[in-house]
Amino acid sequence: MRARWPILAALLGIGLSYGAYPYVTLYRLGSAIKGADAATLESLVDWPAVREGIKEDVCDLASDDPDQKAGTELPAFGASFIRGIASSTIDRAVTPQALLAATTVVPANPVPRGADVHVQWAFFDSPTSFMISLRPPGKIEPIKLEMDLKHGAWRVTRVWLPPELLSSGSKT
């Protein structure tokens, strides 16, 4: 019986560490944003995968735009043109430096400190996938993040922005 306690304690420790690891990564991500630490952001986010996901969302939003006449879809050239424009804009705008610049800008009407972006929920979607829902101040829909466990480290691999943020960022 005594020989089982160290094994049980080790397994319990491993399980608790595994369960807490994505939350620690989420905390590090928040600290990196607050501390303007681009190097840490670079290591915690798979930027090419995040950019690709946002490009897909912008293209989907453009093809589903309610301003277009009912029953008409973009021709193949129009869709590829929008994809090209969105691609170059997103490649420039979705970087650790741009994220830090956007979060350090003080708005004209500052939002009270208690209304910062906060975590609505965070849970395991699968053993190697962790989902997070963030509520930005003044926004109806949440920002959703997906972190994947790859090579022993949790990294943000997908971000779903609310349509209001996508459309405001895609229109100039």
Protein backbone atom coordinates (compact mmCIF):
# COMPACT_ATOMS: atom_id res chain seq x y z
CA MET A 1 0.00 0.00 0.00
CA ARG A 2 2.81 2.44 0.86
CA ALA A 3 4.51 1.77 -2.47
CA ARG A 4 1.43 3.06 -4.32
CA TRP A 5 1.37 6.50 -2.64
CA PRO A 6 4.41 7.91 -4.49
CA ILE A 7 3.03 6.69 -7.81
CA LEU A 8 -0.42 8.09 -7.05
CA ALA A 9 1.07 11.41 -5.89
CA ALA A 10 3.21 11.62 -9.04
CA LEU A 11 0.23 10.91 -11.30
CA LEU A 12 -1.89 13.46 -9.43
CA GLY A 13 0.90 16.04 -9.73
CA ILE A 14 1.25 15.42 -13.46
CA GLY A 15 -2.51 15.67 -13.94
CA LEU A 16 -2.75 18.93 -12.00
CA SER A 17 0.21 20.38 -13.87
CA TYR A 18 -1.31 19.43 -17.22
CA GLY A 19 -4.67 20.96 -16.24
CA ALA A 20 -3.10 24.21 -14.99
CA TYR A 21 -0.60 24.64 -17.86
CA PRO A 22 -2.96 26.33 -20.39
CA TYR A 23 -4.21 28.71 -17.67
CA VAL A 24 -0.62 29.64 -16.87
CA THR A 25 -0.02 30.23 -20.59
CA LEU A 26 -3.12 32.43 -20.74
CA TYR A 27 -1.81 34.40 -17.75
CA ARG A 28 1.60 34.78 -19.45
CA LEU A 29 -0.16 35.99 -22.60
CA GLY A 30 -2.06 38.65 -20.63
CA SER A 31 1.10 39.69 -18.81
CA ALA A 32 3.01 39.96 -22.08
CA ILE A 33 0.32 42.24 -23.51
CA LYS A 34 0.19 44.41 -20.38
CA GLY A 35 3.98 44.51 -20.16
CA ALA A 36 4.48 45.20 -23.90
CA ASP A 37 6.70 42.11 -24.23
CA ALA A 38 6.82 41.36 -27.96
CA ALA A 39 9.31 38.49 -27.56
CA THR A 40 6.98 36.59 -25.22
CA LEU A 41 4.02 37.25 -27.53
CA GLU A 42 6.07 35.89 -30.42
CA SER A 43 6.65 32.65 -28.51
CA LEU A 44 3.06 32.22 -27.25
CA VAL A 45 1.24 32.88 -30.53
CA ASP A 46 1.53 31.04 -33.84
CA TRP A 47 1.26 34.28 -35.84
CA PRO A 48 1.11 32.71 -39.35
CA ALA A 49 -1.78 30.43 -38.29
CA VAL A 50 -3.62 33.31 -36.56
CA ARG A 51 -3.21 35.56 -39.63
CA GLU A 52 -4.48 32.81 -41.93
CA GLY A 53 -7.58 32.31 -39.79
CA ILE A 54 -8.35 36.04 -39.74
CA LYS A 55 -7.91 36.18 -43.53
CA GLU A 56 -10.50 33.42 -43.89
CA ASP A 57 -12.90 35.28 -41.59
CA VAL A 58 -12.49 38.57 -43.48
CA CYS A 59 -13.07 36.83 -46.82
CA ASP A 60 -16.13 35.03 -45.42
CA LEU A 61 -17.46 38.33 -44.09
CA ALA A 62 -16.92 40.02 -47.48
CA SER A 63 -18.69 37.22 -49.35
CA ASP A 64 -21.59 37.28 -46.86
CA ASP A 65 -21.80 41.10 -46.81
CA PRO A 66 -25.47 42.12 -46.45
CA ASP A 67 -24.73 45.33 -48.41
CA GLN A 68 -24.46 43.26 -51.58
CA LYS A 69 -27.59 42.68 -53.62
CA ALA A 70 -29.49 39.55 -52.67
CA GLY A 71 -28.63 36.51 -54.72
CA THR A 72 -25.35 37.84 -56.10
CA GLU A 73 -22.00 36.42 -55.15
CA LEU A 74 -18.55 37.67 -55.95
CA PRO A 75 -17.10 36.26 -59.13
CA ALA A 76 -13.94 34.22 -58.76
CA PHE A 77 -11.75 37.23 -59.65
CA GLY A 78 -13.52 39.45 -57.09
CA ALA A 79 -13.07 36.86 -54.35
CA SER A 80 -9.37 36.45 -55.11
CA PHE A 81 -8.95 40.24 -55.28
CA ILE A 82 -10.51 40.65 -51.82
CA ARG A 83 -8.35 37.80 -50.53
CA GLY A 84 -5.23 39.51 -51.87
CA ILE A 85 -6.08 42.86 -50.32
CA ALA A 86 -7.06 41.26 -47.01
CA SER A 87 -3.93 39.12 -47.04
CA SER A 88 -1.47 41.99 -47.36
CA THR A 89 -3.33 44.17 -44.87
CA ILE A 90 -3.61 41.40 -42.29
CA ASP A 91 0.04 40.39 -42.75
CA ARG A 92 1.04 43.96 -41.83
CA ALA A 93 -1.53 44.47 -39.08
CA VAL A 94 -1.49 41.15 -37.19
CA THR A 95 1.92 41.14 -35.53
CA PRO A 96 3.12 41.23 -31.94
CA GLN A 97 4.22 44.84 -32.38
CA ALA A 98 0.87 45.92 -33.86
CA LEU A 99 -1.03 44.18 -31.05
CA LEU A 100 1.10 45.93 -28.45
CA ALA A 101 0.68 49.28 -30.20
CA ALA A 102 -3.11 48.82 -30.30
CA THR A 103 -3.31 47.90 -26.62
CA THR A 104 -1.10 50.76 -25.42
CA VAL A 105 -3.01 53.54 -27.23
CA VAL A 106 -5.01 55.60 -24.73
CA PRO A 107 -8.53 56.25 -26.12
CA ALA A 108 -10.07 59.75 -26.06
CA ASN A 109 -12.76 58.54 -23.67
CA PRO A 110 -10.87 56.17 -21.39
CA VAL A 111 -12.78 53.09 -20.29
CA PRO A 112 -12.77 52.44 -16.54
CA ARG A 113 -10.07 49.95 -15.49
CA GLY A 114 -12.66 47.40 -14.34
CA ALA A 115 -14.03 47.15 -17.90
CA ASP A 116 -10.85 45.72 -19.48
CA VAL A 117 -11.04 42.59 -21.61
CA HIS A 118 -11.79 39.68 -19.31
CA VAL A 119 -12.06 35.93 -19.68
CA GLN A 120 -15.66 34.74 -19.93
CA TRP A 121 -14.76 31.08 -19.98
CA ALA A 122 -11.79 28.84 -20.71
CA PHE A 123 -11.87 25.07 -21.03
CA PHE A 124 -10.33 22.06 -22.73
CA ASP A 125 -11.92 21.28 -26.09
CA SER A 126 -9.78 18.15 -26.41
CA PRO A 127 -6.59 16.89 -24.73
CA THR A 128 -4.51 19.12 -27.03
CA SER A 129 -6.94 22.00 -27.65
CA PHE A 130 -7.97 24.75 -25.22
CA MET A 131 -10.68 27.33 -25.98
CA ILE A 132 -10.95 30.81 -24.45
CA SER A 133 -13.72 33.41 -24.75
CA LEU A 134 -12.74 37.02 -24.03
CA ARG A 135 -15.25 39.83 -23.51
CA PRO A 136 -13.93 43.19 -24.77
CA PRO A 137 -15.44 46.32 -23.22
CA GLY A 138 -18.45 47.68 -25.11
CA LYS A 139 -18.67 44.74 -27.51
CA ILE A 140 -21.62 42.38 -27.80
CA GLU A 141 -19.79 39.37 -29.18
CA PRO A 142 -16.71 37.81 -27.57
CA ILE A 143 -13.27 37.29 -29.02
CA LYS A 144 -12.50 33.58 -29.09
CA LEU A 145 -9.04 32.04 -28.96
CA GLU A 146 -7.88 28.51 -29.53
CA MET A 147 -4.63 27.25 -28.04
CA ASP A 148 -3.08 24.00 -29.18
CA LEU A 149 -0.51 21.88 -27.37
CA LYS A 150 2.39 21.31 -29.75
CA HIS A 151 5.86 20.10 -28.82
CA GLY A 152 5.05 20.45 -25.12
CA ALA A 153 3.94 24.11 -25.29
CA TRP A 154 0.53 25.76 -25.51
CA ARG A 155 0.31 28.37 -28.29
CA VAL A 156 -2.54 30.47 -29.65
CA THR A 157 -3.26 29.08 -33.12
CA ARG A 158 -6.63 30.63 -34.00
CA VAL A 159 -8.48 33.83 -33.16
CA TRP A 160 -12.10 34.53 -34.03
CA LEU A 161 -12.87 38.24 -33.94
CA PRO A 162 -16.45 39.54 -33.74
CA PRO A 163 -17.84 40.69 -37.12
CA GLU A 164 -17.97 44.29 -35.87
CA LEU A 165 -14.19 44.25 -35.31
CA LEU A 166 -13.53 42.53 -38.64
CA SER A 167 -15.68 44.95 -40.62
CA SER A 168 -14.29 48.03 -38.89
CA GLY A 169 -10.76 46.81 -39.54
CA SER A 170 -11.41 45.90 -43.18
CA LYS A 171 -12.99 49.21 -44.18
CA THR A 172 -10.78 52.21 -44.66
